[in-house]
């Protein structure tokens, strides 16, 4: 996985993703963080690709779903920092 502009021309790839970062770090004892984020998207049939790291999570959404995803997340009580 890498920025779309860095994918070599000879590689078949699936581009057009927007990345949403859940601002961490989150303690391992705190559960349900990623679920609270992707649950509302799933309920609205918005496909995602989630990546979890040691100190934060990322949710990728196809660019065609981005506006709907952001609206859905705001309605679920999430806020955004740019």
Protein backbone atom coordinates (compact mmCIF):
# COMPACT_ATOMS: atom_id res chain seq x y z
CA UNK A 1 0.00 0.00 0.00
CA UNK A 2 1.29 3.41 -0.95
CA UNK A 3 0.11 6.75 -2.33
CA UNK A 4 -1.45 6.25 -5.75
CA UNK A 5 1.11 8.51 -7.44
CA UNK A 6 3.89 6.15 -6.31
CA UNK A 7 2.43 2.95 -7.79
CA UNK A 8 4.72 1.76 -10.60
CA UNK A 9 3.02 1.82 -14.02
CA UNK A 10 3.48 -1.94 -14.49
CA UNK A 11 1.56 -2.76 -11.30
CA UNK A 12 -2.17 -3.51 -11.51
CA UNK A 13 -3.72 -1.53 -8.68
CA UNK A 14 -7.07 -0.38 -7.35
CA UNK A 15 -6.76 3.39 -6.88
CA UNK A 16 -9.18 6.09 -5.90
CA UNK A 17 -9.16 5.72 -2.13
CA UNK A 18 -9.44 8.44 0.52
CA UNK A 19 -7.76 7.80 3.87
CA UNK A 20 -9.40 8.72 7.17
CA UNK A 21 -7.12 8.57 10.22
CA UNK A 22 -8.56 7.90 13.65
CA UNK A 23 -6.42 10.09 15.87
CA UNK A 24 -4.64 7.94 18.45
CA UNK A 25 -2.93 6.55 20.29
CA UNK A 26 -5.61 4.34 21.78
CA UNK A 27 -4.89 2.10 24.76
CA UNK A 28 -5.26 -1.60 23.99
CA UNK A 29 -7.70 -1.87 26.89
CA UNK A 30 -10.08 0.55 25.17
CA UNK A 31 -12.32 -1.51 22.91
CA UNK A 32 -14.89 -0.62 20.28
CA UNK A 33 -13.15 2.43 18.81
CA UNK A 34 -12.84 1.12 15.27
CA UNK A 35 -16.25 -0.51 15.52
CA UNK A 36 -17.87 2.82 16.43
CA UNK A 37 -16.37 4.28 13.27
CA UNK A 38 -17.06 1.52 10.75
CA UNK A 39 -20.43 0.44 12.18
CA UNK A 40 -22.31 3.49 10.84
CA UNK A 41 -20.57 3.11 7.47
CA UNK A 42 -21.57 -0.53 7.27
CA UNK A 43 -25.17 0.35 8.14
CA UNK A 44 -25.19 2.69 5.12
CA UNK A 45 -23.57 0.05 2.85
CA UNK A 46 -20.39 2.13 2.45
CA UNK A 47 -17.49 -0.23 1.71
CA UNK A 48 -14.25 0.36 3.60
CA UNK A 49 -10.74 -1.02 4.00
CA UNK A 50 -9.43 -0.76 7.58
CA UNK A 51 -5.81 -0.79 8.69
CA UNK A 52 -4.81 -0.94 12.34
CA UNK A 53 -1.35 -0.08 13.61
CA UNK A 54 0.19 0.03 17.04
CA UNK A 55 -1.03 3.52 17.86
CA UNK A 56 -3.85 4.42 15.48
CA UNK A 57 -6.30 3.12 12.88
CA UNK A 58 -6.93 4.15 9.30
CA UNK A 59 -10.12 3.66 7.31
CA UNK A 60 -9.95 3.89 3.55
CA UNK A 61 -13.08 4.75 1.59
CA UNK A 62 -13.44 4.82 -2.17
CA UNK A 63 -13.52 8.46 -3.30
CA UNK A 64 -17.00 8.00 -4.79
CA UNK A 65 -18.34 7.22 -1.30
CA UNK A 66 -16.35 9.88 0.59
CA UNK A 67 -19.00 12.61 0.90
CA UNK A 68 -21.59 10.09 2.04
CA UNK A 69 -19.12 8.53 4.48
CA UNK A 70 -18.22 11.88 6.04
CA UNK A 71 -21.87 12.82 6.43
CA UNK A 72 -22.67 9.43 7.95
CA UNK A 73 -19.80 9.72 10.43
CA UNK A 74 -20.77 13.25 11.45
CA UNK A 75 -24.35 12.10 12.01
CA UNK A 76 -22.95 9.33 14.22
CA UNK A 77 -21.19 11.92 16.40
CA UNK A 78 -17.66 11.83 15.00
CA UNK A 79 -15.75 15.06 14.44
CA UNK A 80 -13.02 15.80 11.90
CA UNK A 81 -9.71 17.60 12.19
CA UNK A 82 -7.85 18.59 9.05
